[in-house]
Amino acid sequence: MTAARRGPALTAVAHGTRSPAGQAQIRDLVARVARERPGLDVRLCYADVQRPRVGELVHDGVVVPLLLSAGHHVRVDIAEAVAGTRAVVAGPLGPDGVLLESLTRHLPAADAVVLAAAGSKDPAWRDSVERAGAGLGAHIAYASGGDRKVADVVADLRRRGARRVAIAAYLLADGLFYRTLRRAGADAVTPPLSLDPAVASLVLRRYDLTTALSRL
C-alpha cells in the first residue's frame, strides 16, 4: 500500500500528565487507534507537561486533539503550533454522543449524578461541559477552580437527600484531577474515558472527517 493510499499522518495531541498511570492510558489509546487503522502513521505529542510538544512534532497531516472541548489548548496552543505548517486541526473529542454513552454505561444506579470536569474559565470550554452535562442529565462540577467544586456539589446533594451519588468523570486519563474525584465523597466514579475502546474509533472519526473536508 502506498503512502498516498494510507492517508495523511494522524498526530494525536494529549494534554499531558505527570501520572504514570495516565501516561500509560493515553499511550494505550493511541496504540489502539493505530491498530484500528493498520498502515496509518499515528503519532503522539502533548500540549503541556510532557514532550514532545505539538510544535516539536507537527509538520503536516491531521492533528486530532485528545481533549474534550475547544478550550485554550485547542484555540491557542495547538493553533499557534501548527501555524505555518501543512497540518490541519480536527475538532476536539467532545462533546460527543460516544462519550456520553461511555459514561452512561459505567454509571451505577444513583439518586444523583455529577458530571465532573477539569475546570477552566474559557467560555467555549465551559459551554461544551454544560452541553455534556445536559445530555447526561447531571449536575456540573469541576475538579479545579473556584466554583462548583466536585466535593462541594456532592455534599450539597447529600444535604438535599441524595443517598447515592455517582460521579461521571469527564476526564480522559488518570491524573491529579481524576484522583480528587475519588476523595469527593461520592459512592462511585466512572473510569477515565480513554479506557473505553469506543474512544479510539472516535479519534479516527475526527481524523476521517477532517481529511475529507480538507481533501488531504
N, C-alpha and C. Protein backbone atom coordinates (compact mmCIF):
# COMPACT_ATOMS: atom_id res chain seq x y z
N MET A 1 0.85 -1.19 0.00
CA MET A 1 0.00 0.00 0.00
C MET A 1 0.88 1.24 0.00
N THR A 2 0.62 2.19 -0.84
CA THR A 2 1.44 3.38 -0.94
C THR A 2 1.09 4.34 0.18
N ALA A 3 2.01 5.31 0.42
CA ALA A 3 1.78 6.31 1.46
C ALA A 3 0.55 7.13 1.15
N ALA A 4 0.31 7.42 -0.14
CA ALA A 4 -0.84 8.23 -0.52
C ALA A 4 -2.14 7.53 -0.16
N ARG A 5 -2.20 6.22 -0.35
CA ARG A 5 -3.42 5.48 -0.05
C ARG A 5 -3.62 5.33 1.45
N ARG A 6 -2.54 5.38 2.21
CA ARG A 6 -2.67 5.28 3.66
C ARG A 6 -3.30 6.54 4.23
N GLY A 7 -3.16 7.64 3.55
CA GLY A 7 -3.70 8.89 4.06
C GLY A 7 -2.66 9.69 4.81
N PRO A 8 -2.99 10.93 5.13
CA PRO A 8 -2.04 11.78 5.86
C PRO A 8 -1.81 11.26 7.28
N ALA A 9 -0.72 11.68 7.86
CA ALA A 9 -0.40 11.26 9.22
C ALA A 9 -1.45 11.78 10.19
N LEU A 10 -1.67 11.02 11.25
CA LEU A 10 -2.55 11.44 12.34
C LEU A 10 -1.68 11.73 13.55
N THR A 11 -1.68 12.97 13.98
CA THR A 11 -0.95 13.35 15.17
C THR A 11 -1.94 13.60 16.30
N ALA A 12 -1.93 12.76 17.29
CA ALA A 12 -2.81 12.92 18.45
C ALA A 12 -2.11 13.81 19.47
N VAL A 13 -2.83 14.83 19.94
CA VAL A 13 -2.26 15.77 20.90
C VAL A 13 -3.00 15.62 22.23
N ALA A 14 -2.33 15.05 23.22
CA ALA A 14 -2.91 14.92 24.56
C ALA A 14 -2.51 16.13 25.39
N HIS A 15 -3.21 16.31 26.51
CA HIS A 15 -2.87 17.43 27.39
C HIS A 15 -1.50 17.21 28.01
N GLY A 16 -1.26 16.00 28.50
CA GLY A 16 -0.03 15.70 29.23
C GLY A 16 -0.33 15.58 30.72
N THR A 17 0.35 14.66 31.40
CA THR A 17 0.15 14.44 32.82
C THR A 17 1.42 13.90 33.44
N ARG A 18 1.59 14.14 34.74
CA ARG A 18 2.72 13.55 35.45
C ARG A 18 2.39 12.17 36.00
N SER A 19 1.14 11.76 35.89
CA SER A 19 0.73 10.47 36.42
C SER A 19 1.21 9.34 35.51
N PRO A 20 2.02 8.39 36.03
CA PRO A 20 2.44 7.27 35.19
C PRO A 20 1.25 6.48 34.65
N ALA A 21 0.21 6.30 35.47
CA ALA A 21 -0.97 5.58 35.00
C ALA A 21 -1.65 6.34 33.88
N GLY A 22 -1.80 7.65 34.03
CA GLY A 22 -2.42 8.46 32.99
C GLY A 22 -1.61 8.47 31.71
N GLN A 23 -0.29 8.53 31.83
CA GLN A 23 0.58 8.48 30.65
C GLN A 23 0.38 7.17 29.90
N ALA A 24 0.32 6.07 30.65
CA ALA A 24 0.14 4.76 30.02
C ALA A 24 -1.23 4.65 29.36
N GLN A 25 -2.25 5.21 29.97
CA GLN A 25 -3.59 5.16 29.40
C GLN A 25 -3.66 5.89 28.06
N ILE A 26 -3.02 7.04 27.97
CA ILE A 26 -3.02 7.79 26.71
C ILE A 26 -2.22 7.06 25.66
N ARG A 27 -1.06 6.50 26.03
CA ARG A 27 -0.28 5.72 25.06
C ARG A 27 -1.08 4.54 24.56
N ASP A 28 -1.81 3.88 25.46
CA ASP A 28 -2.62 2.74 25.05
C ASP A 28 -3.74 3.16 24.11
N LEU A 29 -4.36 4.30 24.38
CA LEU A 29 -5.40 4.81 23.48
C LEU A 29 -4.85 5.04 22.08
N VAL A 30 -3.70 5.67 21.98
CA VAL A 30 -3.11 5.95 20.67
C VAL A 30 -2.68 4.65 20.00
N ALA A 31 -2.22 3.69 20.78
CA ALA A 31 -1.87 2.38 20.21
C ALA A 31 -3.11 1.69 19.64
N ARG A 32 -4.25 1.82 20.31
CA ARG A 32 -5.49 1.23 19.79
C ARG A 32 -5.91 1.91 18.48
N VAL A 33 -5.72 3.22 18.42
CA VAL A 33 -6.01 3.94 17.18
C VAL A 33 -5.18 3.37 16.04
N ALA A 34 -3.90 3.16 16.29
CA ALA A 34 -3.02 2.62 15.26
C ALA A 34 -3.42 1.20 14.86
N ARG A 35 -3.84 0.40 15.82
CA ARG A 35 -4.25 -0.97 15.50
C ARG A 35 -5.54 -1.00 14.68
N GLU A 36 -6.41 -0.04 14.92
CA GLU A 36 -7.66 0.01 14.16
C GLU A 36 -7.44 0.45 12.72
N ARG A 37 -6.33 1.12 12.44
CA ARG A 37 -6.06 1.61 11.08
C ARG A 37 -4.64 1.20 10.70
N PRO A 38 -4.42 -0.08 10.39
CA PRO A 38 -3.07 -0.54 10.05
C PRO A 38 -2.49 0.25 8.87
N GLY A 39 -1.23 0.60 9.00
CA GLY A 39 -0.55 1.34 7.94
C GLY A 39 -0.61 2.84 8.10
N LEU A 40 -1.52 3.35 8.92
CA LEU A 40 -1.62 4.78 9.13
C LEU A 40 -0.48 5.23 10.05
N ASP A 41 0.15 6.34 9.69
CA ASP A 41 1.21 6.94 10.51
C ASP A 41 0.55 7.68 11.67
N VAL A 42 0.59 7.08 12.86
CA VAL A 42 -0.04 7.66 14.05
C VAL A 42 1.04 8.10 15.02
N ARG A 43 0.96 9.37 15.43
CA ARG A 43 1.98 9.95 16.31
C ARG A 43 1.31 10.49 17.57
N LEU A 44 2.09 10.71 18.60
CA LEU A 44 1.58 11.25 19.86
C LEU A 44 2.47 12.37 20.35
N CYS A 45 1.86 13.50 20.70
CA CYS A 45 2.58 14.59 21.33
C CYS A 45 1.65 15.26 22.34
N TYR A 46 2.12 16.37 22.93
CA TYR A 46 1.41 16.92 24.08
C TYR A 46 1.31 18.44 24.00
N ALA A 47 0.24 18.95 24.61
CA ALA A 47 0.05 20.40 24.69
C ALA A 47 0.76 20.98 25.91
N ASP A 48 1.00 20.16 26.93
CA ASP A 48 1.60 20.64 28.17
C ASP A 48 2.23 19.47 28.91
N VAL A 49 3.08 19.76 29.86
CA VAL A 49 3.66 18.83 30.82
C VAL A 49 4.68 17.86 30.20
N GLN A 50 4.28 17.10 29.18
CA GLN A 50 5.16 16.09 28.60
C GLN A 50 5.73 16.53 27.26
N ARG A 51 6.71 15.77 26.80
CA ARG A 51 7.30 16.00 25.49
C ARG A 51 7.21 14.72 24.68
N PRO A 52 7.23 14.85 23.32
CA PRO A 52 7.39 16.10 22.58
C PRO A 52 6.13 16.95 22.59
N ARG A 53 6.32 18.27 22.58
CA ARG A 53 5.20 19.19 22.47
C ARG A 53 4.75 19.23 21.02
N VAL A 54 3.53 19.68 20.83
CA VAL A 54 2.94 19.64 19.49
C VAL A 54 3.78 20.42 18.48
N GLY A 55 4.35 21.54 18.87
CA GLY A 55 5.15 22.33 17.95
C GLY A 55 6.45 21.67 17.55
N GLU A 56 6.89 20.69 18.31
CA GLU A 56 8.13 19.98 18.01
C GLU A 56 7.92 18.82 17.04
N LEU A 57 6.67 18.43 16.86
CA LEU A 57 6.41 17.21 16.10
C LEU A 57 5.60 17.43 14.83
N VAL A 58 4.70 18.40 14.85
CA VAL A 58 3.74 18.54 13.76
C VAL A 58 4.32 19.35 12.61
N HIS A 59 4.26 18.77 11.41
CA HIS A 59 4.66 19.48 10.19
C HIS A 59 3.59 19.37 9.11
N ASP A 60 2.81 18.31 9.15
CA ASP A 60 1.78 18.11 8.14
C ASP A 60 0.75 17.13 8.69
N GLY A 61 -0.21 16.73 7.86
CA GLY A 61 -1.19 15.75 8.26
C GLY A 61 -2.33 16.35 9.07
N VAL A 62 -3.01 15.48 9.81
CA VAL A 62 -4.18 15.87 10.59
C VAL A 62 -3.85 15.78 12.08
N VAL A 63 -4.10 16.86 12.77
CA VAL A 63 -3.89 16.92 14.22
C VAL A 63 -5.24 16.68 14.90
N VAL A 64 -5.31 15.65 15.74
CA VAL A 64 -6.54 15.36 16.48
C VAL A 64 -6.29 15.63 17.96
N PRO A 65 -6.90 16.67 18.51
CA PRO A 65 -6.73 16.94 19.95
C PRO A 65 -7.40 15.86 20.79
N LEU A 66 -6.65 15.23 21.66
CA LEU A 66 -7.22 14.29 22.63
C LEU A 66 -7.69 15.11 23.83
N LEU A 67 -8.60 15.99 23.54
CA LEU A 67 -9.15 16.92 24.52
C LEU A 67 -10.66 16.91 24.38
N LEU A 68 -11.35 17.27 25.45
CA LEU A 68 -12.80 17.11 25.47
C LEU A 68 -13.56 18.36 25.10
N SER A 69 -12.86 19.45 24.79
CA SER A 69 -13.56 20.67 24.37
C SER A 69 -12.60 21.58 23.61
N ALA A 70 -13.19 22.58 22.95
CA ALA A 70 -12.40 23.54 22.18
C ALA A 70 -11.98 24.70 23.08
N GLY A 71 -11.20 24.40 24.10
CA GLY A 71 -10.74 25.41 25.03
C GLY A 71 -9.41 26.03 24.59
N HIS A 72 -8.69 26.58 25.56
CA HIS A 72 -7.47 27.33 25.28
C HIS A 72 -6.43 26.48 24.55
N HIS A 73 -6.26 25.24 24.96
CA HIS A 73 -5.22 24.42 24.32
C HIS A 73 -5.51 24.22 22.84
N VAL A 74 -6.78 24.07 22.48
CA VAL A 74 -7.13 23.88 21.07
C VAL A 74 -7.05 25.20 20.32
N ARG A 75 -7.68 26.24 20.86
CA ARG A 75 -7.82 27.51 20.13
C ARG A 75 -6.52 28.32 20.09
N VAL A 76 -5.64 28.10 21.07
CA VAL A 76 -4.42 28.91 21.14
C VAL A 76 -3.17 28.04 20.98
N ASP A 77 -2.94 27.14 21.92
CA ASP A 77 -1.68 26.39 21.91
C ASP A 77 -1.50 25.56 20.63
N ILE A 78 -2.50 24.75 20.31
CA ILE A 78 -2.38 23.90 19.12
C ILE A 78 -2.44 24.75 17.85
N ALA A 79 -3.34 25.71 17.82
CA ALA A 79 -3.46 26.57 16.63
C ALA A 79 -2.15 27.29 16.34
N GLU A 80 -1.50 27.82 17.36
CA GLU A 80 -0.22 28.51 17.16
C GLU A 80 0.88 27.54 16.74
N ALA A 81 0.83 26.33 17.28
CA ALA A 81 1.87 25.35 16.97
C ALA A 81 1.83 24.91 15.51
N VAL A 82 0.64 24.86 14.92
CA VAL A 82 0.54 24.38 13.53
C VAL A 82 0.55 25.53 12.52
N ALA A 83 0.51 26.76 12.99
CA ALA A 83 0.53 27.90 12.07
C ALA A 83 1.80 27.86 11.22
N GLY A 84 1.64 27.99 9.92
CA GLY A 84 2.77 27.96 9.00
C GLY A 84 3.18 26.57 8.57
N THR A 85 2.49 25.54 9.06
CA THR A 85 2.76 24.17 8.63
C THR A 85 1.68 23.73 7.65
N ARG A 86 1.79 22.52 7.15
CA ARG A 86 0.78 21.96 6.25
C ARG A 86 -0.24 21.12 7.01
N ALA A 87 -0.23 21.22 8.32
CA ALA A 87 -1.16 20.44 9.14
C ALA A 87 -2.51 21.13 9.26
N VAL A 88 -3.56 20.33 9.42
CA VAL A 88 -4.90 20.84 9.70
C VAL A 88 -5.36 20.22 11.02
N VAL A 89 -6.17 20.96 11.76
CA VAL A 89 -6.58 20.54 13.10
C VAL A 89 -8.03 20.08 13.09
N ALA A 90 -8.26 18.89 13.61
CA ALA A 90 -9.62 18.37 13.75
C ALA A 90 -10.26 18.96 14.99
N GLY A 91 -11.56 18.76 15.13
CA GLY A 91 -12.25 19.19 16.33
C GLY A 91 -11.87 18.32 17.52
N PRO A 92 -12.07 18.82 18.73
CA PRO A 92 -11.80 18.02 19.92
C PRO A 92 -12.74 16.83 20.01
N LEU A 93 -12.49 15.95 20.93
CA LEU A 93 -13.30 14.74 21.04
C LEU A 93 -14.69 15.00 21.61
N GLY A 94 -14.84 16.05 22.38
CA GLY A 94 -16.13 16.30 23.00
C GLY A 94 -16.65 17.69 22.73
N PRO A 95 -17.94 17.88 23.04
CA PRO A 95 -18.87 16.84 23.49
C PRO A 95 -19.28 15.94 22.33
N ASP A 96 -19.55 14.69 22.62
CA ASP A 96 -19.94 13.73 21.59
C ASP A 96 -20.77 12.63 22.24
N GLY A 97 -21.71 12.11 21.47
CA GLY A 97 -22.56 11.04 21.99
C GLY A 97 -21.79 9.81 22.41
N VAL A 98 -20.65 9.54 21.77
CA VAL A 98 -19.83 8.39 22.14
C VAL A 98 -19.36 8.51 23.59
N LEU A 99 -18.97 9.72 23.99
CA LEU A 99 -18.50 9.92 25.35
C LEU A 99 -19.64 9.81 26.36
N LEU A 100 -20.79 10.36 26.01
CA LEU A 100 -21.94 10.27 26.91
C LEU A 100 -22.41 8.83 27.05
N GLU A 101 -22.37 8.08 25.95
CA GLU A 101 -22.74 6.66 26.03
C GLU A 101 -21.76 5.89 26.91
N SER A 102 -20.50 6.22 26.82
CA SER A 102 -19.50 5.57 27.66
C SER A 102 -19.76 5.86 29.13
N LEU A 103 -20.00 7.12 29.44
CA LEU A 103 -20.28 7.49 30.83
C LEU A 103 -21.53 6.76 31.33
N THR A 104 -22.57 6.75 30.50
CA THR A 104 -23.82 6.11 30.90
C THR A 104 -23.63 4.62 31.17
N ARG A 105 -22.83 3.95 30.33
CA ARG A 105 -22.60 2.51 30.51
C ARG A 105 -21.94 2.21 31.85
N HIS A 106 -21.12 3.12 32.32
CA HIS A 106 -20.35 2.86 33.53
C HIS A 106 -20.98 3.44 34.80
N LEU A 107 -22.08 4.17 34.65
CA LEU A 107 -22.72 4.75 35.82
C LEU A 107 -23.59 3.72 36.53
N PRO A 108 -23.44 3.56 37.82
CA PRO A 108 -24.33 2.67 38.57
C PRO A 108 -25.64 3.40 38.87
N ALA A 109 -26.60 2.68 39.42
CA ALA A 109 -27.84 3.31 39.85
C ALA A 109 -27.53 4.33 40.95
N ALA A 110 -28.09 5.52 40.83
CA ALA A 110 -27.80 6.59 41.80
C ALA A 110 -28.97 7.56 41.86
N ASP A 111 -29.09 8.23 42.99
CA ASP A 111 -30.11 9.27 43.14
C ASP A 111 -29.72 10.55 42.41
N ALA A 112 -28.42 10.77 42.28
CA ALA A 112 -27.93 11.98 41.61
C ALA A 112 -26.61 11.67 40.93
N VAL A 113 -26.39 12.33 39.78
CA VAL A 113 -25.15 12.16 39.02
C VAL A 113 -24.47 13.52 38.89
N VAL A 114 -23.17 13.54 39.11
CA VAL A 114 -22.37 14.74 38.97
C VAL A 114 -21.41 14.55 37.81
N LEU A 115 -21.50 15.40 36.79
CA LEU A 115 -20.51 15.38 35.72
C LEU A 115 -19.33 16.22 36.19
N ALA A 116 -18.19 15.57 36.38
CA ALA A 116 -17.01 16.25 36.92
C ALA A 116 -15.98 16.46 35.81
N ALA A 117 -15.68 17.71 35.53
CA ALA A 117 -14.69 18.08 34.52
C ALA A 117 -13.50 18.75 35.19
N ALA A 118 -12.45 18.99 34.40
CA ALA A 118 -11.21 19.50 34.98
C ALA A 118 -11.38 20.90 35.57
N GLY A 119 -11.99 21.80 34.82
CA GLY A 119 -12.15 23.17 35.27
C GLY A 119 -11.39 24.14 34.37
N SER A 120 -12.08 25.20 33.97
CA SER A 120 -11.46 26.22 33.11
C SER A 120 -12.36 27.45 33.10
N LYS A 121 -11.76 28.62 32.90
CA LYS A 121 -12.53 29.85 32.75
C LYS A 121 -12.88 30.12 31.29
N ASP A 122 -12.35 29.30 30.38
CA ASP A 122 -12.58 29.52 28.95
C ASP A 122 -14.06 29.32 28.63
N PRO A 123 -14.73 30.33 28.05
CA PRO A 123 -16.17 30.21 27.80
C PRO A 123 -16.53 29.05 26.88
N ALA A 124 -15.74 28.81 25.83
CA ALA A 124 -16.04 27.71 24.92
C ALA A 124 -15.92 26.37 25.63
N TRP A 125 -14.91 26.25 26.47
CA TRP A 125 -14.72 25.02 27.23
C TRP A 125 -15.90 24.77 28.15
N ARG A 126 -16.30 25.80 28.90
CA ARG A 126 -17.39 25.65 29.86
C ARG A 126 -18.71 25.36 29.15
N ASP A 127 -18.90 25.97 27.99
CA ASP A 127 -20.13 25.71 27.24
C ASP A 127 -20.21 24.25 26.82
N SER A 128 -19.09 23.68 26.39
CA SER A 128 -19.10 22.28 25.96
C SER A 128 -19.36 21.36 27.14
N VAL A 129 -18.84 21.69 28.31
CA VAL A 129 -19.10 20.88 29.50
C VAL A 129 -20.56 20.98 29.89
N GLU A 130 -21.13 22.16 29.82
CA GLU A 130 -22.55 22.33 30.14
C GLU A 130 -23.41 21.49 29.20
N ARG A 131 -23.04 21.45 27.92
CA ARG A 131 -23.80 20.64 26.97
C ARG A 131 -23.68 19.15 27.28
N ALA A 132 -22.50 18.74 27.66
CA ALA A 132 -22.31 17.34 28.02
C ALA A 132 -23.13 17.00 29.26
N GLY A 133 -23.13 17.88 30.23
CA GLY A 133 -23.90 17.65 31.44
C GLY A 133 -25.39 17.57 31.17
N ALA A 134 -25.86 18.45 30.29
CA ALA A 134 -27.27 18.43 29.93
C ALA A 134 -27.64 17.12 29.25
N GLY A 135 -26.76 16.63 28.39
CA GLY A 135 -27.02 15.37 27.70
C GLY A 135 -27.09 14.19 28.65
N LEU A 136 -26.43 14.32 29.78
CA LEU A 136 -26.39 13.24 30.76
C LEU A 136 -27.43 13.45 31.87
N GLY A 137 -28.04 14.63 31.89
CA GLY A 137 -28.97 14.95 32.98
C GLY A 137 -28.26 15.05 34.32
N ALA A 138 -27.03 15.60 34.30
CA ALA A 138 -26.20 15.60 35.50
C ALA A 138 -25.98 17.01 36.03
N HIS A 139 -25.61 17.08 37.30
CA HIS A 139 -25.14 18.32 37.90
C HIS A 139 -23.69 18.54 37.45
N ILE A 140 -23.30 19.78 37.24
CA ILE A 140 -21.95 20.09 36.77
C ILE A 140 -21.07 20.46 37.95
N ALA A 141 -19.84 19.95 37.94
CA ALA A 141 -18.86 20.33 38.96
C ALA A 141 -17.47 20.26 38.35
N TYR A 142 -16.51 20.90 39.03
CA TYR A 142 -15.16 21.00 38.48
C TYR A 142 -14.12 20.52 39.51
N ALA A 143 -13.09 19.87 39.01
CA ALA A 143 -12.03 19.36 39.87
C ALA A 143 -11.05 20.44 40.27
N SER A 144 -11.06 21.57 39.58
CA SER A 144 -10.18 22.69 39.93
C SER A 144 -10.94 23.99 39.70
N GLY A 145 -10.37 25.07 40.21
CA GLY A 145 -11.03 26.37 40.07
C GLY A 145 -11.82 26.72 41.32
N GLY A 146 -12.43 27.89 41.29
CA GLY A 146 -13.06 28.41 42.49
C GLY A 146 -14.55 28.16 42.63
N ASP A 147 -15.21 27.65 41.60
CA ASP A 147 -16.66 27.48 41.71
C ASP A 147 -17.08 26.06 41.41
N ARG A 148 -18.17 25.66 42.04
CA ARG A 148 -18.77 24.34 41.84
C ARG A 148 -17.75 23.21 41.95
N LYS A 149 -17.02 23.20 43.02
CA LYS A 149 -16.06 22.11 43.22
C LYS A 149 -16.81 20.80 43.45
N VAL A 150 -16.21 19.72 42.98
CA VAL A 150 -16.89 18.42 43.00
C VAL A 150 -17.32 18.04 44.40
N ALA A 151 -16.41 18.14 45.37
CA ALA A 151 -16.75 17.74 46.73
C ALA A 151 -17.89 18.57 47.29
N ASP A 152 -17.93 19.86 46.96
CA ASP A 152 -18.99 20.74 47.45
C ASP A 152 -20.34 20.36 46.83
N VAL A 153 -20.33 20.04 45.54
CA VAL A 153 -21.58 19.66 44.87
C VAL A 153 -22.09 18.33 45.42
N VAL A 154 -21.18 17.39 45.64
CA VAL A 154 -21.59 16.10 46.21
C VAL A 154 -22.18 16.30 47.60
N ALA A 155 -21.52 17.11 48.43
CA ALA A 155 -22.02 17.36 49.78
C ALA A 155 -23.38 18.04 49.76
N ASP A 156 -23.57 18.98 48.84
CA ASP A 156 -24.86 19.65 48.74
C ASP A 156 -25.97 18.68 48.34
N LEU A 157 -25.66 17.76 47.44
CA LEU A 157 -26.65 16.76 47.04
C LEU A 157 -27.01 15.85 48.21
N ARG A 158 -26.03 15.51 49.03
CA ARG A 158 -26.30 14.71 50.23
C ARG A 158 -27.25 15.46 51.16
N ARG A 159 -26.98 16.75 51.38
CA ARG A 159 -27.83 17.53 52.27
C ARG A 159 -29.26 17.62 51.74
N ARG A 160 -29.40 17.56 50.41
CA ARG A 160 -30.72 17.65 49.80
C ARG A 160 -31.41 16.30 49.70
N GLY A 161 -30.79 15.27 50.25
CA GLY A 161 -31.47 13.99 50.36
C GLY A 161 -30.99 12.87 49.46
N ALA A 162 -29.98 13.12 48.63
CA ALA A 162 -29.47 12.06 47.74
C ALA A 162 -28.68 11.05 48.56
N ARG A 163 -29.14 9.81 48.55
CA ARG A 163 -28.45 8.77 49.32
C ARG A 163 -27.27 8.19 48.54
N ARG A 164 -27.44 8.02 47.24
CA ARG A 164 -26.35 7.51 46.41
C ARG A 164 -26.02 8.54 45.33
N VAL A 165 -24.76 8.96 45.33
CA VAL A 165 -24.29 9.96 44.36
C VAL A 165 -23.17 9.33 43.53
N ALA A 166 -23.29 9.43 42.22
CA ALA A 166 -22.26 8.91 41.31
C ALA A 166 -21.61 10.05 40.55
N ILE A 167 -20.31 9.95 40.33
CA ILE A 167 -19.57 10.94 39.57
C ILE A 167 -19.27 10.38 38.19
N ALA A 168 -19.71 11.09 37.17
CA ALA A 168 -19.34 10.79 35.79
C ALA A 168 -18.08 11.58 35.48
N ALA A 169 -16.95 10.89 35.42
CA ALA A 169 -15.66 11.57 35.26
C ALA A 169 -15.46 11.98 33.80
N TYR A 170 -15.58 13.27 33.54
CA TYR A 170 -15.39 13.79 32.18
C TYR A 170 -13.91 14.11 31.98
N LEU A 171 -13.11 13.07 32.10
CA LEU A 171 -11.66 13.15 32.01
C LEU A 171 -11.16 11.97 31.20
N LEU A 172 -10.15 12.20 30.38
CA LEU A 172 -9.65 11.12 29.52
C LEU A 172 -8.76 10.14 30.26
N ALA A 173 -8.00 10.62 31.22
CA ALA A 173 -6.98 9.75 31.82
C ALA A 173 -6.80 10.04 33.29
N ASP A 174 -6.15 9.11 33.97
CA ASP A 174 -5.81 9.27 35.37
C ASP A 174 -4.84 10.43 35.53
N GLY A 175 -4.88 11.05 36.69
CA GLY A 175 -4.01 12.18 36.98
C GLY A 175 -4.49 12.87 38.23
N LEU A 176 -3.94 14.03 38.50
CA LEU A 176 -4.29 14.77 39.71
C LEU A 176 -5.79 15.02 39.80
N PHE A 177 -6.39 15.49 38.72
CA PHE A 177 -7.82 15.80 38.76
C PHE A 177 -8.66 14.54 38.99
N TYR A 178 -8.31 13.46 38.31
CA TYR A 178 -9.09 12.24 38.47
C TYR A 178 -9.00 11.73 39.91
N ARG A 179 -7.83 11.80 40.49
CA ARG A 179 -7.68 11.30 41.86
C ARG A 179 -8.49 12.12 42.85
N THR A 180 -8.68 13.42 42.60
CA THR A 180 -9.50 14.22 43.51
C THR A 180 -10.95 13.75 43.51
N LEU A 181 -11.39 13.18 42.39
CA LEU A 181 -12.78 12.71 42.32
C LEU A 181 -13.02 11.56 43.29
N ARG A 182 -12.02 10.75 43.50
CA ARG A 182 -12.18 9.60 44.40
C ARG A 182 -12.23 10.04 45.87
N ARG A 183 -11.83 11.29 46.13
CA ARG A 183 -11.87 11.81 47.50
C ARG A 183 -13.03 12.79 47.70
N ALA A 184 -13.96 12.82 46.74
CA ALA A 184 -15.01 13.84 46.76
C ALA A 184 -16.26 13.40 47.51
N GLY A 185 -16.28 12.18 48.02
CA GLY A 185 -17.40 11.75 48.84
C GLY A 185 -18.53 11.07 48.10
N ALA A 186 -18.36 10.76 46.84
CA ALA A 186 -19.40 10.07 46.08
C ALA A 186 -19.32 8.56 46.32
N ASP A 187 -20.36 7.86 45.91
CA ASP A 187 -20.40 6.41 46.06
C ASP A 187 -19.69 5.68 44.93
N ALA A 188 -19.55 6.33 43.78
CA ALA A 188 -18.91 5.69 42.63
C ALA A 188 -18.35 6.76 41.70
N VAL A 189 -17.28 6.40 41.00
CA VAL A 189 -16.66 7.28 40.00
C VAL A 189 -16.43 6.45 38.74
N THR A 190 -16.87 6.94 37.60
CA THR A 190 -16.65 6.20 36.36
C THR A 190 -15.16 6.21 35.99
N PRO A 191 -14.68 5.22 35.25
CA PRO A 191 -13.27 5.17 34.87
C PRO A 191 -12.93 6.24 33.85
N PRO A 192 -11.64 6.55 33.69
CA PRO A 192 -11.23 7.52 32.67
C PRO A 192 -11.73 7.11 31.29
N LEU A 193 -12.14 8.07 30.51
CA LEU A 193 -12.77 7.78 29.22
C LEU A 193 -11.83 7.10 28.24
N SER A 194 -10.54 7.33 28.35
CA SER A 194 -9.60 6.72 27.39
C SER A 194 -9.61 5.21 27.45
N LEU A 195 -10.11 4.63 28.54
CA LEU A 195 -10.11 3.17 28.67
C LEU A 195 -11.20 2.52 27.83
N ASP A 196 -12.17 3.29 27.36
CA ASP A 196 -13.25 2.74 26.56
C ASP A 196 -12.78 2.55 25.12
N PRO A 197 -12.86 1.35 24.55
CA PRO A 197 -12.43 1.12 23.17
C PRO A 197 -13.13 2.02 22.16
N ALA A 198 -14.34 2.47 22.47
CA ALA A 198 -15.08 3.32 21.53
C ALA A 198 -14.39 4.65 21.30
N VAL A 199 -13.55 5.08 22.25
CA VAL A 199 -12.88 6.38 22.10
C VAL A 199 -11.84 6.34 20.98
N ALA A 200 -11.20 5.20 20.78
CA ALA A 200 -10.25 5.08 19.67
C ALA A 200 -10.96 5.27 18.33
N SER A 201 -12.15 4.71 18.22
CA SER A 201 -12.93 4.90 16.98
C SER A 201 -13.35 6.35 16.82
N LEU A 202 -13.64 7.03 17.93
CA LEU A 202 -13.99 8.44 17.87
C LEU A 202 -12.82 9.28 17.36
N VAL A 203 -11.61 8.95 17.80
CA VAL A 203 -10.41 9.65 17.30
C VAL A 203 -10.32 9.51 15.79
N LEU A 204 -10.52 8.30 15.29
CA LEU A 204 -10.44 8.07 13.85
C LEU A 204 -11.58 8.76 13.10
N ARG A 205 -12.74 8.87 13.73
CA ARG A 205 -13.84 9.59 13.09
C ARG A 205 -13.49 11.06 12.92
N ARG A 206 -12.88 11.65 13.94
CA ARG A 206 -12.44 13.05 13.82
C ARG A 206 -11.41 13.18 12.69
N TYR A 207 -10.49 12.23 12.63
CA TYR A 207 -9.45 12.24 11.58
C TYR A 207 -10.08 12.12 10.20
N ASP A 208 -10.99 11.17 10.03
CA ASP A 208 -11.60 10.94 8.71
C ASP A 208 -12.40 12.15 8.24
N LEU A 209 -13.15 12.76 9.14
CA LEU A 209 -13.95 13.93 8.76
C LEU A 209 -13.06 15.08 8.33
N THR A 210 -11.99 15.33 9.06
CA THR A 210 -11.09 16.43 8.73
C THR A 210 -10.34 16.14 7.43
N THR A 211 -9.95 14.90 7.23
CA THR A 211 -9.29 14.53 5.97
C THR A 211 -10.20 14.75 4.78
N ALA A 212 -11.46 14.37 4.92
CA ALA A 212 -12.41 14.53 3.82
C ALA A 212 -12.69 16.01 3.54
N LEU A 213 -12.91 16.78 4.60
CA LEU A 213 -13.24 18.20 4.40
C LEU A 213 -12.05 18.99 3.85
N SER A 214 -10.84 18.58 4.25
CA SER A 214 -9.65 19.30 3.81
C SER A 214 -9.09 18.77 2.51
N ARG A 215 -9.65 17.62 2.05
CA ARG A 215 -9.20 16.97 0.82
C ARG A 215 -7.70 16.70 0.85
N LEU A 216 -7.24 16.20 1.98
CA LEU A 216 -5.81 15.89 2.12
C LEU A 216 -5.47 14.56 1.42
